[in-house]
PDB file of all heavy atoms in Angstrom:
ATOM      1  N   VAL A   1       1.927   4.731  -1.941  1.00  0.00           N
ATOM      2  CA  VAL A   1       1.655   5.889  -1.087  1.00  0.00           C
ATOM      3  C   VAL A   1       0.737   6.804  -1.889  1.00  0.00           C
ATOM      4  O   VAL A   1       1.110   7.262  -2.975  1.00  0.00           O
ATOM      5  CB  VAL A   1       2.944   6.646  -0.705  1.00  0.00           C
ATOM      6  CG1 VAL A   1       2.622   7.833   0.184  1.00  0.00           C
ATOM      7  CG2 VAL A   1       3.939   5.718  -0.035  1.00  0.00           C
ATOM      8  N   TYR A   2      -0.458   7.038  -1.365  1.00  0.00           N
ATOM      9  CA  TYR A   2      -1.440   7.903  -2.026  1.00  0.00           C
ATOM     10  C   TYR A   2      -1.510   9.244  -1.317  1.00  0.00           C
ATOM     11  O   TYR A   2      -1.278   9.338  -0.114  1.00  0.00           O
ATOM     12  CB  TYR A   2      -2.829   7.258  -2.001  1.00  0.00           C
ATOM     13  CG  TYR A   2      -2.952   6.029  -2.850  1.00  0.00           C
ATOM     14  CD1 TYR A   2      -2.834   4.764  -2.287  1.00  0.00           C
ATOM     15  CD2 TYR A   2      -3.184   6.120  -4.219  1.00  0.00           C
ATOM     16  CE1 TYR A   2      -2.951   3.622  -3.069  1.00  0.00           C
ATOM     17  CE2 TYR A   2      -3.299   4.985  -5.004  1.00  0.00           C
ATOM     18  CZ  TYR A   2      -3.187   3.738  -4.424  1.00  0.00           C
ATOM     19  OH  TYR A   2      -3.298   2.610  -5.195  1.00  0.00           O
ATOM     20  N   ALA A   3      -1.874  10.273  -2.071  1.00  0.00           N
ATOM     21  CA  ALA A   3      -1.994  11.615  -1.500  1.00  0.00           C
ATOM     22  C   ALA A   3      -3.142  11.701  -0.505  1.00  0.00           C
ATOM     23  O   ALA A   3      -3.077  12.462   0.450  1.00  0.00           O
ATOM     24  CB  ALA A   3      -2.171  12.648  -2.612  1.00  0.00           C
ATOM     25  N   SER A   4      -4.201  10.913  -0.699  1.00  0.00           N
ATOM     26  CA  SER A   4      -5.351  10.953   0.212  1.00  0.00           C
ATOM     27  C   SER A   4      -6.043   9.599   0.225  1.00  0.00           C
ATOM     28  O   SER A   4      -5.698   8.701  -0.551  1.00  0.00           O
ATOM     29  CB  SER A   4      -6.336  12.039  -0.214  1.00  0.00           C
ATOM     30  OG  SER A   4      -6.979  11.672  -1.423  1.00  0.00           O
ATOM     31  N   ASN A   5      -7.054   9.474   1.075  1.00  0.00           N
ATOM     32  CA  ASN A   5      -7.761   8.196   1.177  1.00  0.00           C
ATOM     33  C   ASN A   5      -8.650   7.907  -0.026  1.00  0.00           C
ATOM     34  O   ASN A   5      -9.161   6.796  -0.152  1.00  0.00           O
ATOM     35  CB  ASN A   5      -8.564   8.123   2.484  1.00  0.00           C
ATOM     36  CG  ASN A   5      -9.647   9.178   2.568  1.00  0.00           C
ATOM     37  OD1 ASN A   5      -9.703  10.100   1.758  1.00  0.00           O
ATOM     38  ND2 ASN A   5     -10.487   9.055   3.568  1.00  0.00           N
ATOM     39  N   GLU A   6      -8.826   8.861  -0.929  1.00  0.00           N
ATOM     40  CA  GLU A   6      -9.555   8.572  -2.169  1.00  0.00           C
ATOM     41  C   GLU A   6      -8.726   7.711  -3.119  1.00  0.00           C
ATOM     42  O   GLU A   6      -9.254   7.177  -4.084  1.00  0.00           O
ATOM     43  CB  GLU A   6      -9.961   9.870  -2.881  1.00  0.00           C
ATOM     44  CG  GLU A   6     -11.148  10.573  -2.261  1.00  0.00           C
ATOM     45  CD  GLU A   6     -10.711  11.626  -1.246  1.00  0.00           C
ATOM     46  OE1 GLU A   6      -9.598  12.189  -1.401  1.00  0.00           O
ATOM     47  OE2 GLU A   6     -11.455  11.876  -0.293  1.00  0.00           O
ATOM     48  N   ARG A   7      -7.435   7.622  -2.871  1.00  0.00           N
ATOM     49  CA  ARG A   7      -6.511   6.799  -3.661  1.00  0.00           C
ATOM     50  C   ARG A   7      -6.511   7.171  -5.141  1.00  0.00           C
ATOM     51  O   ARG A   7      -6.435   6.316  -6.012  1.00  0.00           O
ATOM     52  CB  ARG A   7      -6.827   5.308  -3.499  1.00  0.00           C
ATOM     53  CG  ARG A   7      -6.636   4.784  -2.093  1.00  0.00           C
ATOM     54  CD  ARG A   7      -6.819   3.291  -2.059  1.00  0.00           C
ATOM     55  NE  ARG A   7      -6.637   2.755  -0.724  1.00  0.00           N
ATOM     56  CZ  ARG A   7      -6.306   1.500  -0.486  1.00  0.00           C
ATOM     57  NH1 ARG A   7      -6.125   0.663  -1.483  1.00  0.00           N
ATOM     58  NH2 ARG A   7      -6.173   1.079   0.752  1.00  0.00           N
ATOM     59  N   GLU A   8      -6.577   8.445  -5.418  1.00  0.00           N
ATOM     60  CA  GLU A   8      -6.573   8.897  -6.806  1.00  0.00           C
ATOM     61  C   GLU A   8      -5.175   9.245  -7.301  1.00  0.00           C
ATOM     62  O   GLU A   8      -4.856   9.021  -8.455  1.00  0.00           O
ATOM     63  CB  GLU A   8      -7.494  10.117  -6.955  1.00  0.00           C
ATOM     64  CG  GLU A   8      -8.961   9.786  -6.743  1.00  0.00           C
ATOM     65  CD  GLU A   8      -9.848  11.014  -6.774  1.00  0.00           C
ATOM     66  OE1 GLU A   8      -9.323  12.146  -6.798  1.00  0.00           O
ATOM     67  OE2 GLU A   8     -11.066  10.832  -6.767  1.00  0.00           O
ATOM     68  N   THR A   9      -4.350   9.803  -6.419  1.00  0.00           N
ATOM     69  CA  THR A   9      -3.029  10.260  -6.819  1.00  0.00           C
ATOM     70  C   THR A   9      -1.954   9.465  -6.085  1.00  0.00           C
ATOM     71  O   THR A   9      -1.857   9.522  -4.868  1.00  0.00           O
ATOM     72  CB  THR A   9      -2.861  11.768  -6.490  1.00  0.00           C
ATOM     73  OG1 THR A   9      -3.921  12.488  -7.110  1.00  0.00           O
ATOM     74  CG2 THR A   9      -1.532  12.285  -6.987  1.00  0.00           C
ATOM     75  N   VAL A  10      -1.157   8.720  -6.856  1.00  0.00           N
ATOM     76  CA  VAL A  10      -0.049   7.952  -6.282  1.00  0.00           C
ATOM     77  C   VAL A  10       1.165   8.867  -6.169  1.00  0.00           C
ATOM     78  O   VAL A  10       1.552   9.518  -7.129  1.00  0.00           O
ATOM     79  CB  VAL A  10       0.291   6.728  -7.154  1.00  0.00           C
ATOM     80  CG1 VAL A  10       1.498   5.988  -6.602  1.00  0.00           C
ATOM     81  CG2 VAL A  10      -0.892   5.799  -7.269  1.00  0.00           C
ATOM     82  N   VAL A  11       1.736   8.906  -4.982  1.00  0.00           N
ATOM     83  CA  VAL A  11       2.918   9.719  -4.735  1.00  0.00           C
ATOM     84  C   VAL A  11       4.179   8.897  -4.974  1.00  0.00           C
ATOM     85  O   VAL A  11       5.129   9.351  -5.602  1.00  0.00           O
ATOM     86  CB  VAL A  11       2.906  10.269  -3.289  1.00  0.00           C
ATOM     87  CG1 VAL A  11       4.190  10.999  -2.961  1.00  0.00           C
ATOM     88  CG2 VAL A  11       1.695  11.162  -3.075  1.00  0.00           C
ATOM     89  N   SER A  12       4.180   7.673  -4.485  1.00  0.00           N
ATOM     90  CA  SER A  12       5.348   6.804  -4.573  1.00  0.00           C
ATOM     91  C   SER A  12       4.947   5.408  -4.110  1.00  0.00           C
ATOM     92  O   SER A  12       3.770   5.137  -3.895  1.00  0.00           O
ATOM     93  CB  SER A  12       6.460   7.361  -3.684  1.00  0.00           C
ATOM     94  OG  SER A  12       7.632   6.609  -3.834  1.00  0.00           O
ATOM     95  N   SER A  13       5.926   4.554  -3.913  1.00  0.00           N
ATOM     96  CA  SER A  13       5.738   3.239  -3.298  1.00  0.00           C
ATOM     97  C   SER A  13       6.877   3.013  -2.321  1.00  0.00           C
ATOM     98  O   SER A  13       8.018   3.404  -2.595  1.00  0.00           O
ATOM     99  CB  SER A  13       5.752   2.118  -4.340  1.00  0.00           C
ATOM    100  OG  SER A  13       4.658   2.230  -5.201  1.00  0.00           O
ATOM    101  N   LEU A  14       6.563   2.390  -1.192  1.00  0.00           N
ATOM    102  CA  LEU A  14       7.576   2.093  -0.187  1.00  0.00           C
ATOM    103  C   LEU A  14       7.529   0.616   0.164  1.00  0.00           C
ATOM    104  O   LEU A  14       6.450   0.009   0.166  1.00  0.00           O
ATOM    105  CB  LEU A  14       7.342   2.920   1.080  1.00  0.00           C
ATOM    106  CG  LEU A  14       7.429   4.440   0.941  1.00  0.00           C
ATOM    107  CD1 LEU A  14       7.118   5.110   2.279  1.00  0.00           C
ATOM    108  CD2 LEU A  14       8.793   4.874   0.445  1.00  0.00           C
ATOM    109  N   ASP A  15       8.685   0.038   0.460  1.00  0.00           N
ATOM    110  CA  ASP A  15       8.764  -1.356   0.885  1.00  0.00           C
ATOM    111  C   ASP A  15       8.482  -1.446   2.378  1.00  0.00           C
ATOM    112  O   ASP A  15       9.028  -0.666   3.166  1.00  0.00           O
ATOM    113  CB  ASP A  15      10.150  -1.937   0.599  1.00  0.00           C
ATOM    114  CG  ASP A  15      10.412  -2.137  -0.880  1.00  0.00           C
ATOM    115  OD1 ASP A  15       9.437  -2.240  -1.648  1.00  0.00           O
ATOM    116  OD2 ASP A  15      11.594  -2.192  -1.259  1.00  0.00           O
ATOM    117  N   ILE A  16       7.647  -2.413   2.759  1.00  0.00           N
ATOM    118  CA  ILE A  16       7.364  -2.683   4.163  1.00  0.00           C
ATOM    119  C   ILE A  16       7.686  -4.150   4.422  1.00  0.00           C
ATOM    120  O   ILE A  16       7.225  -5.024   3.694  1.00  0.00           O
ATOM    121  CB  ILE A  16       5.888  -2.395   4.510  1.00  0.00           C
ATOM    122  CG1 ILE A  16       5.582  -0.909   4.333  1.00  0.00           C
ATOM    123  CG2 ILE A  16       5.570  -2.829   5.935  1.00  0.00           C
ATOM    124  CD1 ILE A  16       4.154  -0.513   4.679  1.00  0.00           C
ATOM    125  N   PRO A  17       8.482  -4.432   5.465  1.00  0.00           N
ATOM    126  CA  PRO A  17       8.798  -5.833   5.774  1.00  0.00           C
ATOM    127  C   PRO A  17       7.540  -6.570   6.212  1.00  0.00           C
ATOM    128  O   PRO A  17       6.687  -6.019   6.913  1.00  0.00           O
ATOM    129  CB  PRO A  17       9.811  -5.743   6.916  1.00  0.00           C
ATOM    130  CG  PRO A  17       9.648  -4.387   7.489  1.00  0.00           C
ATOM    131  CD  PRO A  17       9.113  -3.511   6.411  1.00  0.00           C
ATOM    132  N   CYS A  18       7.437  -7.835   5.770  1.00  0.00           N
ATOM    133  CA  CYS A  18       6.233  -8.613   6.067  1.00  0.00           C
ATOM    134  C   CYS A  18       6.556 -10.098   6.084  1.00  0.00           C
ATOM    135  O   CYS A  18       7.648 -10.518   5.733  1.00  0.00           O
ATOM    136  CB  CYS A  18       5.151  -8.329   5.036  1.00  0.00           C
ATOM    137  SG  CYS A  18       5.601  -8.854   3.370  1.00  0.00           S
ATOM    138  N   SER A  19       5.570 -10.867   6.471  1.00  0.00           N
ATOM    139  CA  SER A  19       5.712 -12.319   6.450  1.00  0.00           C
ATOM    140  C   SER A  19       5.108 -12.863   5.158  1.00  0.00           C
ATOM    141  O   SER A  19       4.343 -12.183   4.486  1.00  0.00           O
ATOM    142  CB  SER A  19       4.998 -12.916   7.662  1.00  0.00           C
ATOM    143  OG  SER A  19       3.630 -12.565   7.635  1.00  0.00           O
ATOM    144  N   LYS A  20       5.451 -14.095   4.843  1.00  0.00           N
ATOM    145  CA  LYS A  20       4.881 -14.749   3.663  1.00  0.00           C
ATOM    146  C   LYS A  20       3.529 -15.324   4.017  1.00  0.00           C
ATOM    147  O   LYS A  20       3.252 -15.562   5.184  1.00  0.00           O
ATOM    148  CB  LYS A  20       5.822 -15.856   3.174  1.00  0.00           C
ATOM    149  CG  LYS A  20       7.040 -15.312   2.494  1.00  0.00           C
ATOM    150  CD  LYS A  20       7.842 -16.449   1.883  1.00  0.00           C
ATOM    151  CE  LYS A  20       9.015 -15.880   1.118  1.00  0.00           C
ATOM    152  NZ  LYS A  20       9.818 -16.887   0.478  1.00  0.00           N
ATOM    153  N   PRO A  21       2.674 -15.583   3.110  1.00  0.00           N
ATOM    154  CA  PRO A  21       2.758 -15.319   1.676  1.00  0.00           C
ATOM    155  C   PRO A  21       2.482 -13.850   1.369  1.00  0.00           C
ATOM    156  O   PRO A  21       1.657 -13.205   2.013  1.00  0.00           O
ATOM    157  CB  PRO A  21       1.682 -16.218   1.086  1.00  0.00           C
ATOM    158  CG  PRO A  21       0.679 -16.376   2.170  1.00  0.00           C
ATOM    159  CD  PRO A  21       1.444 -16.301   3.458  1.00  0.00           C
ATOM    160  N   LEU A  22       3.193 -13.334   0.386  1.00  0.00           N
ATOM    161  CA  LEU A  22       3.104 -11.915   0.051  1.00  0.00           C
ATOM    162  C   LEU A  22       1.743 -11.524  -0.515  1.00  0.00           C
ATOM    163  O   LEU A  22       1.285 -10.405  -0.298  1.00  0.00           O
ATOM    164  CB  LEU A  22       4.210 -11.550  -0.941  1.00  0.00           C
ATOM    165  CG  LEU A  22       5.641 -11.730  -0.438  1.00  0.00           C
ATOM    166  CD1 LEU A  22       6.635 -11.342  -1.514  1.00  0.00           C
ATOM    167  CD2 LEU A  22       5.887 -10.956   0.825  1.00  0.00           C
ATOM    168  N   HIS A  23       1.090 -12.442  -1.220  1.00  0.00           N
ATOM    169  CA  HIS A  23      -0.191 -12.097  -1.840  1.00  0.00           C
ATOM    170  C   HIS A  23      -1.262 -11.729  -0.814  1.00  0.00           C
ATOM    171  O   HIS A  23      -2.177 -10.979  -1.112  1.00  0.00           O
ATOM    172  CB  HIS A  23      -0.682 -13.222  -2.753  1.00  0.00           C
ATOM    173  CG  HIS A  23      -1.146 -14.440  -2.008  1.00  0.00           C
ATOM    174  ND1 HIS A  23      -0.280 -15.422  -1.613  1.00  0.00           N
ATOM    175  CD2 HIS A  23      -2.382 -14.803  -1.578  1.00  0.00           C
ATOM    176  CE1 HIS A  23      -0.962 -16.361  -0.969  1.00  0.00           C
ATOM    177  NE2 HIS A  23      -2.238 -16.009  -0.931  1.00  0.00           N
ATOM    178  N   GLN A  24      -1.123 -12.228   0.424  1.00  0.00           N
ATOM    179  CA  GLN A  24      -2.113 -11.902   1.451  1.00  0.00           C
ATOM    180  C   GLN A  24      -2.128 -10.405   1.752  1.00  0.00           C
ATOM    181  O   GLN A  24      -3.169  -9.840   2.071  1.00  0.00           O
ATOM    182  CB  GLN A  24      -1.860 -12.688   2.729  1.00  0.00           C
ATOM    183  CG  GLN A  24      -0.602 -12.263   3.472  1.00  0.00           C
ATOM    184  CD  GLN A  24      -0.323 -13.088   4.703  1.00  0.00           C
ATOM    185  OE1 GLN A  24      -1.203 -13.718   5.238  1.00  0.00           O
ATOM    186  NE2 GLN A  24       0.930 -13.072   5.147  1.00  0.00           N
ATOM    187  N   TRP A  25      -0.984  -9.762   1.642  1.00  0.00           N
ATOM    188  CA  TRP A  25      -0.901  -8.327   1.929  1.00  0.00           C
ATOM    189  C   TRP A  25      -1.465  -7.519   0.766  1.00  0.00           C
ATOM    190  O   TRP A  25      -2.099  -6.484   0.976  1.00  0.00           O
ATOM    191  CB  TRP A  25       0.536  -7.937   2.243  1.00  0.00           C
ATOM    192  CG  TRP A  25       1.054  -8.705   3.413  1.00  0.00           C
ATOM    193  CD1 TRP A  25       2.021  -9.679   3.406  1.00  0.00           C
ATOM    194  CD2 TRP A  25       0.595  -8.615   4.772  1.00  0.00           C
ATOM    195  NE1 TRP A  25       2.188 -10.183   4.665  1.00  0.00           N
ATOM    196  CE2 TRP A  25       1.328  -9.541   5.536  1.00  0.00           C
ATOM    197  CE3 TRP A  25      -0.361  -7.837   5.416  1.00  0.00           C
ATOM    198  CZ2 TRP A  25       1.150  -9.717   6.899  1.00  0.00           C
ATOM    199  CZ3 TRP A  25      -0.550  -8.001   6.777  1.00  0.00           C
ATOM    200  CH2 TRP A  25       0.197  -8.934   7.499  1.00  0.00           C
ATOM    201  N   THR A  26      -1.268  -7.998  -0.448  1.00  0.00           N
ATOM    202  CA  THR A  26      -1.853  -7.328  -1.597  1.00  0.00           C
ATOM    203  C   THR A  26      -3.374  -7.433  -1.542  1.00  0.00           C
ATOM    204  O   THR A  26      -4.090  -6.465  -1.796  1.00  0.00           O
ATOM    205  CB  THR A  26      -1.325  -7.949  -2.912  1.00  0.00           C
ATOM    206  OG1 THR A  26       0.111  -7.893  -2.894  1.00  0.00           O
ATOM    207  CG2 THR A  26      -1.854  -7.203  -4.119  1.00  0.00           C
ATOM    208  N   GLN A  27      -3.864  -8.607  -1.178  1.00  0.00           N
ATOM    209  CA  GLN A  27      -5.314  -8.811  -1.065  1.00  0.00           C
ATOM    210  C   GLN A  27      -5.929  -7.973   0.049  1.00  0.00           C
ATOM    211  O   GLN A  27      -7.113  -7.646  -0.004  1.00  0.00           O
ATOM    212  CB  GLN A  27      -5.626 -10.289  -0.836  1.00  0.00           C
ATOM    213  CG  GLN A  27      -5.326 -11.148  -2.035  1.00  0.00           C
ATOM    214  CD  GLN A  27      -5.445 -12.635  -1.736  1.00  0.00           C
ATOM    215  OE1 GLN A  27      -5.402 -13.060  -0.582  1.00  0.00           O
ATOM    216  NE2 GLN A  27      -5.567 -13.424  -2.799  1.00  0.00           N
ATOM    217  N   ALA A  28      -5.153  -7.603   1.057  1.00  0.00           N
ATOM    218  CA  ALA A  28      -5.665  -6.776   2.150  1.00  0.00           C
ATOM    219  C   ALA A  28      -5.866  -5.328   1.713  1.00  0.00           C
ATOM    220  O   ALA A  28      -6.439  -4.539   2.446  1.00  0.00           O
ATOM    221  CB  ALA A  28      -4.709  -6.840   3.341  1.00  0.00           C
ATOM    222  N   GLY A  29      -5.382  -4.977   0.525  1.00  0.00           N
ATOM    223  CA  GLY A  29      -5.562  -3.623   0.020  1.00  0.00           C
ATOM    224  C   GLY A  29      -4.705  -2.600   0.746  1.00  0.00           C
ATOM    225  O   GLY A  29      -5.129  -1.471   0.959  1.00  0.00           O
ATOM    226  N   LEU A  30      -3.495  -2.993   1.086  1.00  0.00           N
ATOM    227  CA  LEU A  30      -2.592  -2.090   1.808  1.00  0.00           C
ATOM    228  C   LEU A  30      -2.344  -0.807   1.033  1.00  0.00           C
ATOM    229  O   LEU A  30      -2.144  -0.820  -0.181  1.00  0.00           O
ATOM    230  CB  LEU A  30      -1.241  -2.749   2.050  1.00  0.00           C
ATOM    231  CG  LEU A  30      -1.143  -3.867   3.045  1.00  0.00           C
ATOM    232  CD1 LEU A  30       0.291  -4.326   3.177  1.00  0.00           C
ATOM    233  CD2 LEU A  30      -1.687  -3.455   4.381  1.00  0.00           C
ATOM    234  N   ALA A  31      -2.324   0.291   1.761  1.00  0.00           N
ATOM    235  CA  ALA A  31      -1.970   1.587   1.164  1.00  0.00           C
ATOM    236  C   ALA A  31      -1.479   2.503   2.275  1.00  0.00           C
ATOM    237  O   ALA A  31      -1.969   2.457   3.403  1.00  0.00           O
ATOM    238  CB  ALA A  31      -3.173   2.201   0.480  1.00  0.00           C
ATOM    239  N   LEU A  32      -0.498   3.299   1.934  1.00  0.00           N
ATOM    240  CA  LEU A  32      -0.052   4.377   2.814  1.00  0.00           C
ATOM    241  C   LEU A  32      -0.716   5.653   2.309  1.00  0.00           C
ATOM    242  O   LEU A  32      -0.794   5.877   1.089  1.00  0.00           O
ATOM    243  CB  LEU A  32       1.473   4.500   2.795  1.00  0.00           C
ATOM    244  CG  LEU A  32       2.206   3.377   3.511  1.00  0.00           C
ATOM    245  CD1 LEU A  32       3.678   3.324   3.082  1.00  0.00           C
ATOM    246  CD2 LEU A  32       2.105   3.563   5.027  1.00  0.00           C
ATOM    247  N   LEU A  33      -1.174   6.480   3.227  1.00  0.00           N
ATOM    248  CA  LEU A  33      -1.897   7.705   2.883  1.00  0.00           C
ATOM    249  C   LEU A  33      -1.193   8.894   3.507  1.00  0.00           C
ATOM    250  O   LEU A  33      -0.808   8.847   4.684  1.00  0.00           O
ATOM    251  CB  LEU A  33      -3.330   7.638   3.390  1.00  0.00           C
ATOM    252  CG  LEU A  33      -4.117   6.348   3.105  1.00  0.00           C
ATOM    253  CD1 LEU A  33      -5.422   6.341   3.876  1.00  0.00           C
ATOM    254  CD2 LEU A  33      -4.366   6.213   1.617  1.00  0.00           C
ATOM    255  N   LEU A  34      -1.041   9.964   2.729  1.00  0.00           N
ATOM    256  CA  LEU A  34      -0.475  11.181   3.308  1.00  0.00           C
ATOM    257  C   LEU A  34      -1.487  11.871   4.204  1.00  0.00           C
ATOM    258  O   LEU A  34      -1.142  12.395   5.249  1.00  0.00           O
ATOM    259  CB  LEU A  34      -0.019  12.142   2.219  1.00  0.00           C
ATOM    260  CG  LEU A  34       1.150  11.689   1.354  1.00  0.00           C
ATOM    261  CD1 LEU A  34       1.575  12.796   0.416  1.00  0.00           C
ATOM    262  CD2 LEU A  34       2.321  11.248   2.204  1.00  0.00           C
TER     263      LEU A  34
END
């Protein structure tokens, strides 16, 4: 979870349910933005 779309300040991390393979979601560049 980043404070803004610049992705400079990490606020936290949250778990999101997903399907396998997990690496596909990491490669998609997932981020939550405040």
